[in-house]
Amino acid sequence: MSRMWPPGFSNVLCEAYGLGIPIAALPCLNAAQAAHPAYRQSLERRRGMGVLVVECEPHQPKAGGGRDTFRWQPALELLSPKVR
C-alpha cells in the first residue's frame, strides 16, 4: 500500500506515527490490485500500528479509478474523535 504513496510521504507517515499523530488511510485501488495478498497484509500491518483504514470497494481495472466517486468524508469521520 505505501509503495503507491508519493516519494517522501512514507517518511512523513513514519514521523507522524512516532509522534502519536492520528493517521487515516483511504485506499483507492482496483479489484486486481486488491486481490494481491500483499494488499491485505499491508492493511493488517497498518491497523496494527493504529492507522485508521477506510474500507473502500475496489473499482474495476481500467475503469477510470473511481475518481469521480472518491470521498474524503469517511476519513475525516474516523479522525474526528481522535483530534478533538
N, C-alpha and C. Protein backbone atom coordinates (compact mmCIF):
# COMPACT_ATOMS: atom_id res chain seq x y z
N MET A 1 0.82 -1.18 0.00
CA MET A 1 0.00 0.00 0.00
C MET A 1 0.87 1.24 0.00
N SER A 2 1.89 1.32 0.83
CA SER A 2 2.67 2.54 0.91
C SER A 2 3.50 2.77 -0.35
N ARG A 3 3.74 1.76 -1.15
CA ARG A 3 4.56 1.96 -2.34
C ARG A 3 3.86 2.88 -3.33
N MET A 4 2.57 3.06 -3.20
CA MET A 4 1.82 3.91 -4.11
C MET A 4 1.76 5.35 -3.62
N TRP A 5 2.25 5.63 -2.43
CA TRP A 5 2.23 6.99 -1.91
C TRP A 5 3.37 7.77 -2.55
N PRO A 6 3.21 9.08 -2.64
CA PRO A 6 4.25 9.91 -3.28
C PRO A 6 5.60 9.77 -2.58
N PRO A 7 6.69 9.97 -3.33
CA PRO A 7 8.02 9.89 -2.73
C PRO A 7 8.13 10.82 -1.52
N GLY A 8 8.70 10.31 -0.47
CA GLY A 8 8.88 11.09 0.74
C GLY A 8 7.71 11.04 1.70
N PHE A 9 6.54 10.65 1.20
CA PHE A 9 5.36 10.64 2.06
C PHE A 9 5.46 9.55 3.12
N SER A 10 6.09 8.45 2.80
CA SER A 10 6.27 7.39 3.80
C SER A 10 7.08 7.89 4.98
N ASN A 11 8.05 8.77 4.72
CA ASN A 11 8.82 9.36 5.82
C ASN A 11 7.91 10.19 6.72
N VAL A 12 7.01 10.94 6.12
CA VAL A 12 6.06 11.75 6.90
C VAL A 12 5.19 10.85 7.76
N LEU A 13 4.72 9.75 7.18
CA LEU A 13 3.89 8.82 7.94
C LEU A 13 4.66 8.19 9.09
N CYS A 14 5.90 7.84 8.86
CA CYS A 14 6.72 7.26 9.93
C CYS A 14 6.89 8.25 11.07
N GLU A 15 7.14 9.50 10.72
CA GLU A 15 7.31 10.51 11.76
C GLU A 15 6.00 10.77 12.49
N ALA A 16 4.90 10.84 11.76
CA ALA A 16 3.59 11.05 12.40
C ALA A 16 3.29 9.92 13.37
N TYR A 17 3.56 8.70 12.95
CA TYR A 17 3.35 7.55 13.83
C TYR A 17 4.20 7.68 15.09
N GLY A 18 5.45 8.02 14.94
CA GLY A 18 6.35 8.15 16.08
C GLY A 18 5.95 9.26 17.03
N LEU A 19 5.30 10.29 16.49
CA LEU A 19 4.85 11.41 17.33
C LEU A 19 3.45 11.19 17.89
N GLY A 20 2.81 10.08 17.51
CA GLY A 20 1.47 9.80 18.01
C GLY A 20 0.36 10.58 17.32
N ILE A 21 0.65 11.10 16.12
CA ILE A 21 -0.35 11.84 15.36
C ILE A 21 -1.29 10.84 14.68
N PRO A 22 -2.60 11.01 14.84
CA PRO A 22 -3.55 10.08 14.21
C PRO A 22 -3.40 10.08 12.68
N ILE A 23 -3.50 8.89 12.11
CA ILE A 23 -3.36 8.72 10.66
C ILE A 23 -4.57 7.94 10.15
N ALA A 24 -5.15 8.40 9.05
CA ALA A 24 -6.22 7.68 8.37
C ALA A 24 -5.78 7.40 6.95
N ALA A 25 -6.15 6.24 6.43
CA ALA A 25 -5.81 5.87 5.05
C ALA A 25 -7.10 5.53 4.31
N LEU A 26 -7.18 6.01 3.10
CA LEU A 26 -8.31 5.73 2.22
C LEU A 26 -7.80 5.06 0.96
N PRO A 27 -7.60 3.75 0.98
CA PRO A 27 -7.09 3.09 -0.21
C PRO A 27 -8.05 3.26 -1.39
N CYS A 28 -7.50 3.61 -2.52
CA CYS A 28 -8.28 3.73 -3.75
C CYS A 28 -7.56 2.87 -4.78
N LEU A 29 -8.10 1.70 -5.05
CA LEU A 29 -7.41 0.76 -5.92
C LEU A 29 -8.42 -0.07 -6.69
N ASN A 30 -7.92 -0.77 -7.67
CA ASN A 30 -8.83 -1.60 -8.45
C ASN A 30 -8.85 -3.03 -7.90
N ALA A 31 -9.80 -3.81 -8.38
CA ALA A 31 -10.01 -5.17 -7.85
C ALA A 31 -8.80 -6.06 -8.08
N ALA A 32 -8.08 -5.87 -9.17
CA ALA A 32 -6.88 -6.69 -9.43
C ALA A 32 -5.79 -6.39 -8.40
N GLN A 33 -5.61 -5.12 -8.06
CA GLN A 33 -4.63 -4.75 -7.04
C GLN A 33 -5.05 -5.28 -5.67
N ALA A 34 -6.33 -5.16 -5.35
CA ALA A 34 -6.83 -5.60 -4.05
C ALA A 34 -6.73 -7.11 -3.87
N ALA A 35 -6.70 -7.84 -4.97
CA ALA A 35 -6.62 -9.31 -4.90
C ALA A 35 -5.24 -9.80 -4.48
N HIS A 36 -4.23 -8.95 -4.57
CA HIS A 36 -2.87 -9.37 -4.23
C HIS A 36 -2.75 -9.55 -2.71
N PRO A 37 -2.14 -10.64 -2.23
CA PRO A 37 -2.01 -10.89 -0.79
C PRO A 37 -1.29 -9.76 -0.05
N ALA A 38 -0.39 -9.08 -0.69
CA ALA A 38 0.35 -8.00 -0.02
C ALA A 38 -0.57 -6.85 0.38
N TYR A 39 -1.65 -6.66 -0.35
CA TYR A 39 -2.58 -5.58 -0.01
C TYR A 39 -3.21 -5.84 1.37
N ARG A 40 -3.75 -7.02 1.57
CA ARG A 40 -4.38 -7.36 2.86
C ARG A 40 -3.33 -7.32 3.98
N GLN A 41 -2.15 -7.83 3.72
CA GLN A 41 -1.08 -7.80 4.73
C GLN A 41 -0.73 -6.37 5.10
N SER A 42 -0.70 -5.49 4.11
CA SER A 42 -0.39 -4.09 4.36
C SER A 42 -1.47 -3.44 5.22
N LEU A 43 -2.73 -3.73 4.93
CA LEU A 43 -3.82 -3.19 5.74
C LEU A 43 -3.71 -3.68 7.19
N GLU A 44 -3.46 -4.95 7.35
CA GLU A 44 -3.33 -5.52 8.70
C GLU A 44 -2.16 -4.88 9.46
N ARG A 45 -1.04 -4.69 8.78
CA ARG A 45 0.14 -4.08 9.41
C ARG A 45 -0.18 -2.66 9.86
N ARG A 46 -0.83 -1.89 9.00
CA ARG A 46 -1.16 -0.51 9.35
C ARG A 46 -2.19 -0.45 10.48
N ARG A 47 -3.19 -1.30 10.42
CA ARG A 47 -4.16 -1.33 11.53
C ARG A 47 -3.46 -1.67 12.84
N GLY A 48 -2.50 -2.58 12.79
CA GLY A 48 -1.75 -2.94 13.98
C GLY A 48 -0.96 -1.77 14.54
N MET A 49 -0.64 -0.81 13.69
CA MET A 49 0.05 0.41 14.12
C MET A 49 -0.92 1.48 14.60
N GLY A 50 -2.21 1.19 14.48
CA GLY A 50 -3.20 2.18 14.90
C GLY A 50 -3.70 3.08 13.79
N VAL A 51 -3.27 2.81 12.54
CA VAL A 51 -3.76 3.60 11.42
C VAL A 51 -5.23 3.26 11.20
N LEU A 52 -6.04 4.29 11.05
CA LEU A 52 -7.46 4.11 10.78
C LEU A 52 -7.64 3.93 9.28
N VAL A 53 -8.20 2.81 8.88
CA VAL A 53 -8.32 2.48 7.45
C VAL A 53 -9.79 2.46 7.07
N VAL A 54 -10.13 3.25 6.05
CA VAL A 54 -11.48 3.25 5.50
C VAL A 54 -11.55 2.13 4.46
N GLU A 55 -12.47 1.22 4.65
CA GLU A 55 -12.66 0.15 3.68
C GLU A 55 -13.41 0.70 2.48
N CYS A 56 -12.80 0.65 1.32
CA CYS A 56 -13.41 1.13 0.08
C CYS A 56 -13.60 -0.05 -0.86
N GLU A 57 -14.68 -0.02 -1.58
CA GLU A 57 -14.93 -1.06 -2.57
C GLU A 57 -14.01 -0.82 -3.78
N PRO A 58 -13.16 -1.78 -4.11
CA PRO A 58 -12.27 -1.59 -5.27
C PRO A 58 -13.08 -1.43 -6.56
N HIS A 59 -12.60 -0.59 -7.45
CA HIS A 59 -13.24 -0.40 -8.74
C HIS A 59 -12.70 -1.42 -9.73
N GLN A 60 -13.33 -1.53 -10.86
CA GLN A 60 -12.89 -2.46 -11.89
C GLN A 60 -11.62 -1.94 -12.55
N PRO A 61 -10.69 -2.82 -12.88
CA PRO A 61 -9.47 -2.39 -13.57
C PRO A 61 -9.79 -1.63 -14.86
N LYS A 62 -9.01 -0.60 -15.10
CA LYS A 62 -9.13 0.22 -16.31
C LYS A 62 -10.49 0.88 -16.44
N ALA A 63 -11.12 1.19 -15.29
CA ALA A 63 -12.45 1.80 -15.31
C ALA A 63 -12.40 3.26 -14.88
N GLY A 64 -11.24 3.88 -14.91
CA GLY A 64 -11.16 5.29 -14.57
C GLY A 64 -10.79 5.57 -13.13
N GLY A 65 -10.61 4.55 -12.33
CA GLY A 65 -10.11 4.73 -10.98
C GLY A 65 -11.10 5.20 -9.94
N GLY A 66 -12.33 5.42 -10.30
CA GLY A 66 -13.31 5.84 -9.31
C GLY A 66 -13.09 7.25 -8.79
N ARG A 67 -12.30 8.03 -9.48
CA ARG A 67 -12.01 9.40 -9.01
C ARG A 67 -13.26 10.23 -8.85
N ASP A 68 -14.25 9.98 -9.70
CA ASP A 68 -15.47 10.78 -9.66
C ASP A 68 -16.32 10.47 -8.43
N THR A 69 -16.09 9.33 -7.79
CA THR A 69 -16.89 8.96 -6.62
C THR A 69 -16.07 8.93 -5.32
N PHE A 70 -14.78 9.27 -5.40
CA PHE A 70 -13.92 9.23 -4.21
C PHE A 70 -14.36 10.30 -3.22
N ARG A 71 -14.48 9.91 -1.94
CA ARG A 71 -14.94 10.83 -0.91
C ARG A 71 -13.95 10.85 0.24
N TRP A 72 -13.60 12.05 0.70
CA TRP A 72 -12.72 12.23 1.85
C TRP A 72 -13.48 12.12 3.17
N GLN A 73 -14.77 12.32 3.15
CA GLN A 73 -15.56 12.38 4.37
C GLN A 73 -15.36 11.18 5.31
N PRO A 74 -15.31 9.95 4.81
CA PRO A 74 -15.12 8.82 5.73
C PRO A 74 -13.83 8.93 6.56
N ALA A 75 -12.75 9.42 5.96
CA ALA A 75 -11.50 9.57 6.72
C ALA A 75 -11.64 10.65 7.76
N LEU A 76 -12.28 11.74 7.41
CA LEU A 76 -12.48 12.82 8.37
C LEU A 76 -13.35 12.35 9.54
N GLU A 77 -14.33 11.53 9.24
CA GLU A 77 -15.19 10.99 10.30
C GLU A 77 -14.39 10.07 11.23
N LEU A 78 -13.47 9.27 10.67
CA LEU A 78 -12.64 8.41 11.51
C LEU A 78 -11.71 9.21 12.40
N LEU A 79 -11.16 10.28 11.86
CA LEU A 79 -10.19 11.10 12.61
C LEU A 79 -10.84 12.03 13.62
N SER A 80 -12.07 12.40 13.38
CA SER A 80 -12.75 13.39 14.21
C SER A 80 -12.64 13.13 15.71
N PRO A 81 -12.95 11.93 16.19
CA PRO A 81 -12.84 11.71 17.65
C PRO A 81 -11.39 11.74 18.16
N LYS A 82 -10.43 11.54 17.27
CA LYS A 82 -9.04 11.49 17.68
C LYS A 82 -8.39 12.86 17.82
N VAL A 83 -8.93 13.86 17.15
CA VAL A 83 -8.30 15.18 17.14
C VAL A 83 -9.08 16.24 17.89
N ARG A 84 -10.12 15.89 18.53
CA ARG A 84 -10.90 16.88 19.29
C ARG A 84 -10.40 17.03 20.68
